[in-house]
């Protein structure tokens, strides 16, 4: 079975009426190509910037059965037509990211999205490996981690950033983890090794 593919959109919307029409046109297109939202929102509406300087961005995080299905959706005639509805309505950075064997939990999960550029790649990898062990002890998984070369840039001019997405069972568990003294210490060390923007996206309810 192919690993899943994820669609990650980082947007700065300027025309909300246009964006409303665009958003309303998307659900049947996602359904046709086997995709569905895991999380979607904007500042104060389900998206929180935890660290970094990328303020006022909306985010969409969606899952497909494979990277190939993300491409089928993105380049489909239906989506191409829908995309015209948001022309001139903002700026968008869009990436397809390869997933792994880990699944987002059922219930109402929360997704911690790290978009980062390592200054010291070895140190960054070491810190993430330590975090992986800490997360695994809690039953929390990284569901996507990709260097820029492993992702597929579909729209925008964002270059040379890597991606790491952690799926927490609840918003509260993600927030508690983020605010723990040990996590805070790790974050301070990490900022010496990488330029990083971290977002928290409130997930949509998921059933078996």
C-alpha atoms as a PDB file:
ATOM      1  CA  UNK A   1       0.000   0.000   0.000  1.00  0.00           C
ATOM      2  CA  UNK A   2       1.365   3.416  -0.965  1.00  0.00           C
ATOM      3  CA  UNK A   3       2.285   5.902   1.728  1.00  0.00           C
ATOM      4  CA  UNK A   4      -0.215   8.756   2.019  1.00  0.00           C
ATOM      5  CA  UNK A   5       0.345  12.168   0.528  1.00  0.00           C
ATOM      6  CA  UNK A   6      -0.495  15.429   2.261  1.00  0.00           C
ATOM      7  CA  UNK A   7      -1.411  18.804   0.841  1.00  0.00           C
ATOM      8  CA  UNK A   8      -0.175  21.748   2.896  1.00  0.00           C
ATOM      9  CA  UNK A   9      -1.287  25.285   2.034  1.00  0.00           C
ATOM     10  CA  UNK A  10       0.079  28.372   3.737  1.00  0.00           C
ATOM     11  CA  UNK A  11      -1.961  31.379   2.634  1.00  0.00           C
ATOM     12  CA  UNK A  12      -2.285  35.102   3.143  1.00  0.00           C
ATOM     13  CA  UNK A  13      -5.812  36.042   2.071  1.00  0.00           C
ATOM     14  CA  UNK A  14      -6.688  39.547   0.917  1.00  0.00           C
ATOM     15  CA  UNK A  15     -10.214  39.120  -0.472  1.00  0.00           C
ATOM     16  CA  UNK A  16     -12.447  37.077   1.813  1.00  0.00           C
ATOM     17  CA  UNK A  17     -15.558  37.075  -0.440  1.00  0.00           C
ATOM     18  CA  UNK A  18     -13.492  35.530  -3.249  1.00  0.00           C
ATOM     19  CA  UNK A  19     -11.969  33.035  -0.850  1.00  0.00           C
ATOM     20  CA  UNK A  20     -15.436  32.090   0.390  1.00  0.00           C
ATOM     21  CA  UNK A  21     -16.607  31.205  -3.124  1.00  0.00           C
ATOM     22  CA  UNK A  22     -13.398  29.286  -3.769  1.00  0.00           C
ATOM     23  CA  UNK A  23     -13.634  27.318  -0.515  1.00  0.00           C
ATOM     24  CA  UNK A  24     -17.278  26.416  -1.172  1.00  0.00           C
ATOM     25  CA  UNK A  25     -16.345  24.870  -4.529  1.00  0.00           C
ATOM     26  CA  UNK A  26     -13.678  22.518  -3.140  1.00  0.00           C
ATOM     27  CA  UNK A  27     -15.350  19.733  -1.083  1.00  0.00           C
ATOM     28  CA  UNK A  28     -16.715  17.716  -4.036  1.00  0.00           C
ATOM     29  CA  UNK A  29     -13.357  17.981  -5.823  1.00  0.00           C
ATOM     30  CA  UNK A  30     -11.496  16.682  -2.787  1.00  0.00           C
ATOM     31  CA  UNK A  31     -14.006  13.842  -2.511  1.00  0.00           C
ATOM     32  CA  UNK A  32     -13.624  12.879  -6.173  1.00  0.00           C
ATOM     33  CA  UNK A  33      -9.858  12.531  -5.824  1.00  0.00           C
ATOM     34  CA  UNK A  34      -9.900  10.768  -2.460  1.00  0.00           C
ATOM     35  CA  UNK A  35      -8.764  13.684  -0.330  1.00  0.00           C
ATOM     36  CA  UNK A  36     -10.157  15.188   2.840  1.00  0.00           C
ATOM     37  CA  UNK A  37      -9.306  17.973   5.244  1.00  0.00           C
ATOM     38  CA  UNK A  38      -7.467  17.152   8.440  1.00  0.00           C
ATOM     39  CA  UNK A  39      -7.318  20.781   9.513  1.00  0.00           C
ATOM     40  CA  UNK A  40      -8.213  24.165   8.072  1.00  0.00           C
ATOM     41  CA  UNK A  41      -8.410  27.706   9.411  1.00  0.00           C
ATOM     42  CA  UNK A  42      -6.748  31.029   9.968  1.00  0.00           C
ATOM     43  CA  UNK A  43      -5.367  33.174  12.793  1.00  0.00           C
ATOM     44  CA  UNK A  44      -7.829  33.021  15.676  1.00  0.00           C
ATOM     45  CA  UNK A  45      -9.879  30.478  13.716  1.00  0.00           C
ATOM     46  CA  UNK A  46      -8.045  27.244  14.407  1.00  0.00           C
ATOM     47  CA  UNK A  47      -4.499  28.289  13.471  1.00  0.00           C
ATOM     48  CA  UNK A  48      -2.010  29.554  16.028  1.00  0.00           C
ATOM     49  CA  UNK A  49       1.547  30.700  15.308  1.00  0.00           C
ATOM     50  CA  UNK A  50       3.684  29.249  18.109  1.00  0.00           C
ATOM     51  CA  UNK A  51       7.075  30.540  16.991  1.00  0.00           C
ATOM     52  CA  UNK A  52       8.597  32.415  14.086  1.00  0.00           C
ATOM     53  CA  UNK A  53       7.714  35.539  12.182  1.00  0.00           C
ATOM     54  CA  UNK A  54       5.111  34.344   9.677  1.00  0.00           C
ATOM     55  CA  UNK A  55       2.052  36.108  11.060  1.00  0.00           C
ATOM     56  CA  UNK A  56      -1.490  36.302   9.666  1.00  0.00           C
ATOM     57  CA  UNK A  57      -1.385  33.111   7.630  1.00  0.00           C
ATOM     58  CA  UNK A  58      -4.224  30.697   7.033  1.00  0.00           C
ATOM     59  CA  UNK A  59      -3.499  27.000   6.599  1.00  0.00           C
ATOM     60  CA  UNK A  60      -5.027  23.972   4.943  1.00  0.00           C
ATOM     61  CA  UNK A  61      -3.816  20.476   5.756  1.00  0.00           C
ATOM     62  CA  UNK A  62      -5.388  17.635   3.780  1.00  0.00           C
ATOM     63  CA  UNK A  63      -4.698  13.949   3.287  1.00  0.00           C
ATOM     64  CA  UNK A  64      -4.782  11.842   0.124  1.00  0.00           C
ATOM     65  CA  UNK A  65      -4.079   8.160  -0.386  1.00  0.00           C
ATOM     66  CA  UNK A  66      -0.764   8.881  -2.120  1.00  0.00           C
ATOM     67  CA  UNK A  67       1.425  11.647  -3.480  1.00  0.00           C
ATOM     68  CA  UNK A  68       0.118  10.715  -6.925  1.00  0.00           C
ATOM     69  CA  UNK A  69      -3.419  11.449  -5.782  1.00  0.00           C
ATOM     70  CA  UNK A  70      -2.385  14.885  -4.512  1.00  0.00           C
ATOM     71  CA  UNK A  71      -1.077  15.601  -8.018  1.00  0.00           C
ATOM     72  CA  UNK A  72      -4.254  14.263  -9.655  1.00  0.00           C
ATOM     73  CA  UNK A  73      -6.329  16.594  -7.490  1.00  0.00           C
ATOM     74  CA  UNK A  74      -4.106  19.636  -7.999  1.00  0.00           C
ATOM     75  CA  UNK A  75      -3.838  19.348 -11.776  1.00  0.00           C
ATOM     76  CA  UNK A  76      -7.411  18.163 -12.352  1.00  0.00           C
ATOM     77  CA  UNK A  77      -9.688  20.220 -14.627  1.00  0.00           C
ATOM     78  CA  UNK A  78     -12.134  20.634 -11.741  1.00  0.00           C
ATOM     79  CA  UNK A  79      -9.541  22.132  -9.418  1.00  0.00           C
ATOM     80  CA  UNK A  80      -8.006  24.261 -12.169  1.00  0.00           C
ATOM     81  CA  UNK A  81     -11.432  25.818 -12.710  1.00  0.00           C
ATOM     82  CA  UNK A  82     -12.029  26.302  -8.976  1.00  0.00           C
ATOM     83  CA  UNK A  83      -8.604  27.878  -8.514  1.00  0.00           C
ATOM     84  CA  UNK A  84      -9.618  30.708 -10.842  1.00  0.00           C
ATOM     85  CA  UNK A  85     -12.140  31.754  -8.177  1.00  0.00           C
ATOM     86  CA  UNK A  86      -9.311  32.890  -5.888  1.00  0.00           C
ATOM     87  CA  UNK A  87      -7.255  34.655  -8.534  1.00  0.00           C
ATOM     88  CA  UNK A  88      -5.921  37.869  -7.023  1.00  0.00           C
ATOM     89  CA  UNK A  89      -7.390  37.010  -3.616  1.00  0.00           C
ATOM     90  CA  UNK A  90      -4.071  36.454  -1.831  1.00  0.00           C
ATOM     91  CA  UNK A  91      -0.714  34.748  -1.904  1.00  0.00           C
ATOM     92  CA  UNK A  92      -0.271  31.038  -1.340  1.00  0.00           C
ATOM     93  CA  UNK A  93       2.529  28.574  -0.717  1.00  0.00           C
ATOM     94  CA  UNK A  94       1.405  25.045  -1.567  1.00  0.00           C
ATOM     95  CA  UNK A  95       3.294  21.789  -1.105  1.00  0.00           C
ATOM     96  CA  UNK A  96       2.634  18.087  -1.505  1.00  0.00           C
ATOM     97  CA  UNK A  97       4.379  16.181   1.290  1.00  0.00           C
ATOM     98  CA  UNK A  98       5.064  12.449   1.518  1.00  0.00           C
ATOM     99  CA  UNK A  99       3.593  10.740   4.558  1.00  0.00           C
ATOM    100  CA  UNK A 100       4.701   7.660   6.452  1.00  0.00           C
ATOM    101  CA  UNK A 101       3.042   4.702   8.153  1.00  0.00           C
ATOM    102  CA  UNK A 102       1.739   6.802  11.061  1.00  0.00           C
ATOM    103  CA  UNK A 103      -1.879   7.930  11.120  1.00  0.00           C
ATOM    104  CA  UNK A 104      -3.472  10.970  12.695  1.00  0.00           C
ATOM    105  CA  UNK A 105      -5.460   9.867  15.767  1.00  0.00           C
ATOM    106  CA  UNK A 106      -9.223   9.642  15.780  1.00  0.00           C
ATOM    107  CA  UNK A 107     -11.315  12.120  17.721  1.00  0.00           C
ATOM    108  CA  UNK A 108     -10.285  15.733  17.251  1.00  0.00           C
ATOM    109  CA  UNK A 109      -6.515  15.839  16.806  1.00  0.00           C
ATOM    110  CA  UNK A 110      -4.236  18.836  16.543  1.00  0.00           C
ATOM    111  CA  UNK A 111      -1.339  19.225  14.124  1.00  0.00           C
ATOM    112  CA  UNK A 112       1.954  20.905  14.926  1.00  0.00           C
ATOM    113  CA  UNK A 113       3.482  22.087  11.652  1.00  0.00           C
ATOM    114  CA  UNK A 114       7.175  22.980  11.562  1.00  0.00           C
ATOM    115  CA  UNK A 115       8.508  24.747   8.472  1.00  0.00           C
ATOM    116  CA  UNK A 116      12.215  25.210   8.951  1.00  0.00           C
ATOM    117  CA  UNK A 117      15.579  25.918   7.354  1.00  0.00           C
ATOM    118  CA  UNK A 118      18.525  24.273   9.142  1.00  0.00           C
ATOM    119  CA  UNK A 119      21.678  26.286   9.807  1.00  0.00           C
ATOM    120  CA  UNK A 120      23.278  23.180  11.293  1.00  0.00           C
ATOM    121  CA  UNK A 121      21.678  20.149   9.656  1.00  0.00           C
ATOM    122  CA  UNK A 122      23.376  17.583  11.907  1.00  0.00           C
ATOM    123  CA  UNK A 123      22.350  19.358  15.110  1.00  0.00           C
ATOM    124  CA  UNK A 124      18.787  19.852  13.856  1.00  0.00           C
ATOM    125  CA  UNK A 125      18.497  16.143  13.021  1.00  0.00           C
ATOM    126  CA  UNK A 126      19.874  15.233  16.456  1.00  0.00           C
ATOM    127  CA  UNK A 127      17.333  17.432  18.227  1.00  0.00           C
ATOM    128  CA  UNK A 128      14.448  16.064  16.188  1.00  0.00           C
ATOM    129  CA  UNK A 129      15.566  12.486  16.942  1.00  0.00           C
ATOM    130  CA  UNK A 130      15.458  13.279  20.655  1.00  0.00           C
ATOM    131  CA  UNK A 131      12.028  14.814  20.220  1.00  0.00           C
ATOM    132  CA  UNK A 132      10.825  11.734  18.327  1.00  0.00           C
ATOM    133  CA  UNK A 133      11.726   9.556  21.312  1.00  0.00           C
ATOM    134  CA  UNK A 134       9.966  11.919  23.702  1.00  0.00           C
ATOM    135  CA  UNK A 135       6.846  11.978  21.513  1.00  0.00           C
ATOM    136  CA  UNK A 136       6.830   8.191  21.050  1.00  0.00           C
ATOM    137  CA  UNK A 137       6.786   7.739  24.828  1.00  0.00           C
ATOM    138  CA  UNK A 138       3.489   9.659  24.795  1.00  0.00           C
ATOM    139  CA  UNK A 139       2.057   7.735  21.850  1.00  0.00           C
ATOM    140  CA  UNK A 140       2.381  10.828  19.625  1.00  0.00           C
ATOM    141  CA  UNK A 141       3.670  10.472  16.064  1.00  0.00           C
ATOM    142  CA  UNK A 142       5.321  12.501  13.362  1.00  0.00           C
ATOM    143  CA  UNK A 143       3.117  11.831  10.332  1.00  0.00           C
ATOM    144  CA  UNK A 144       5.171  13.684   7.710  1.00  0.00           C
ATOM    145  CA  UNK A 145       8.774  14.831   7.598  1.00  0.00           C
ATOM    146  CA  UNK A 146      10.385  15.923   4.363  1.00  0.00           C
ATOM    147  CA  UNK A 147      13.346  17.895   3.193  1.00  0.00           C
ATOM    148  CA  UNK A 148      12.572  20.503   0.546  1.00  0.00           C
ATOM    149  CA  UNK A 149      13.864  18.188  -2.211  1.00  0.00           C
ATOM    150  CA  UNK A 150      11.470  15.444  -1.070  1.00  0.00           C
ATOM    151  CA  UNK A 151       8.418  17.706  -1.165  1.00  0.00           C
ATOM    152  CA  UNK A 152       6.699  18.921  -4.317  1.00  0.00           C
ATOM    153  CA  UNK A 153       6.191  22.670  -4.566  1.00  0.00           C
ATOM    154  CA  UNK A 154       2.859  23.219  -6.331  1.00  0.00           C
ATOM    155  CA  UNK A 155       2.487  26.984  -5.960  1.00  0.00           C
ATOM    156  CA  UNK A 156       4.414  29.916  -4.512  1.00  0.00           C
ATOM    157  CA  UNK A 157       8.019  30.985  -4.221  1.00  0.00           C
ATOM    158  CA  UNK A 158       9.002  29.490  -0.867  1.00  0.00           C
ATOM    159  CA  UNK A 159      12.337  27.730  -1.315  1.00  0.00           C
ATOM    160  CA  UNK A 160      14.725  25.579   0.696  1.00  0.00           C
ATOM    161  CA  UNK A 161      12.544  24.954   3.737  1.00  0.00           C
ATOM    162  CA  UNK A 162      11.952  21.516   5.224  1.00  0.00           C
ATOM    163  CA  UNK A 163       8.740  20.221   6.806  1.00  0.00           C
ATOM    164  CA  UNK A 164       7.795  18.264   9.923  1.00  0.00           C
ATOM    165  CA  UNK A 165       4.214  17.589  11.036  1.00  0.00           C
ATOM    166  CA  UNK A 166       3.288  16.059  14.385  1.00  0.00           C
ATOM    167  CA  UNK A 167      -0.217  14.738  15.110  1.00  0.00           C
ATOM    168  CA  UNK A 168      -1.393  15.153  18.710  1.00  0.00           C
ATOM    169  CA  UNK A 169      -4.595  13.526  19.997  1.00  0.00           C
ATOM    170  CA  UNK A 170      -6.045  16.847  21.185  1.00  0.00           C
ATOM    171  CA  UNK A 171      -5.359  20.570  21.081  1.00  0.00           C
ATOM    172  CA  UNK A 172      -4.797  20.526  24.854  1.00  0.00           C
ATOM    173  CA  UNK A 173      -2.155  17.789  24.644  1.00  0.00           C
ATOM    174  CA  UNK A 174      -0.283  19.732  21.963  1.00  0.00           C
ATOM    175  CA  UNK A 175      -0.393  22.949  23.973  1.00  0.00           C
ATOM    176  CA  UNK A 176       0.717  21.188  27.153  1.00  0.00           C
ATOM    177  CA  UNK A 177       3.635  19.584  25.351  1.00  0.00           C
ATOM    178  CA  UNK A 178       4.683  22.912  23.830  1.00  0.00           C
ATOM    179  CA  UNK A 179       4.666  24.684  27.184  1.00  0.00           C
ATOM    180  CA  UNK A 180       6.568  22.058  29.175  1.00  0.00           C
ATOM    181  CA  UNK A 181       9.925  23.293  30.549  1.00  0.00           C
ATOM    182  CA  UNK A 182      11.814  20.464  28.809  1.00  0.00           C
ATOM    183  CA  UNK A 183      10.196  21.319  25.481  1.00  0.00           C
ATOM    184  CA  UNK A 184      10.925  25.001  25.986  1.00  0.00           C
ATOM    185  CA  UNK A 185      14.592  24.190  26.609  1.00  0.00           C
ATOM    186  CA  UNK A 186      14.709  22.041  23.477  1.00  0.00           C
ATOM    187  CA  UNK A 187      13.130  24.833  21.433  1.00  0.00           C
ATOM    188  CA  UNK A 188      15.689  27.354  22.618  1.00  0.00           C
ATOM    189  CA  UNK A 189      18.516  25.011  21.626  1.00  0.00           C
ATOM    190  CA  UNK A 190      16.860  24.290  18.294  1.00  0.00           C
ATOM    191  CA  UNK A 191      16.652  27.965  17.378  1.00  0.00           C
ATOM    192  CA  UNK A 192      20.452  28.013  17.348  1.00  0.00           C
ATOM    193  CA  UNK A 193      20.447  25.257  14.725  1.00  0.00           C
ATOM    194  CA  UNK A 194      17.535  26.236  12.455  1.00  0.00           C
ATOM    195  CA  UNK A 195      15.273  29.094  11.450  1.00  0.00           C
ATOM    196  CA  UNK A 196      11.830  27.761  12.206  1.00  0.00           C
ATOM    197  CA  UNK A 197       8.157  28.692  12.055  1.00  0.00           C
ATOM    198  CA  UNK A 198       5.800  26.485  14.032  1.00  0.00           C
ATOM    199  CA  UNK A 199       2.025  26.513  13.693  1.00  0.00           C
ATOM    200  CA  UNK A 200      -0.682  24.639  15.550  1.00  0.00           C
ATOM    201  CA  UNK A 201      -3.728  23.668  13.488  1.00  0.00           C
ATOM    202  CA  UNK A 202      -6.890  22.517  15.228  1.00  0.00           C
ATOM    203  CA  UNK A 203      -7.926  19.302  13.513  1.00  0.00           C
ATOM    204  CA  UNK A 204     -11.375  18.411  12.264  1.00  0.00           C
ATOM    205  CA  UNK A 205     -13.239  15.521  13.956  1.00  0.00           C
ATOM    206  CA  UNK A 206     -12.122  12.099  12.733  1.00  0.00           C
ATOM    207  CA  UNK A 207     -14.119   8.869  13.032  1.00  0.00           C
ATOM    208  CA  UNK A 208     -13.161   5.276  12.328  1.00  0.00           C
END
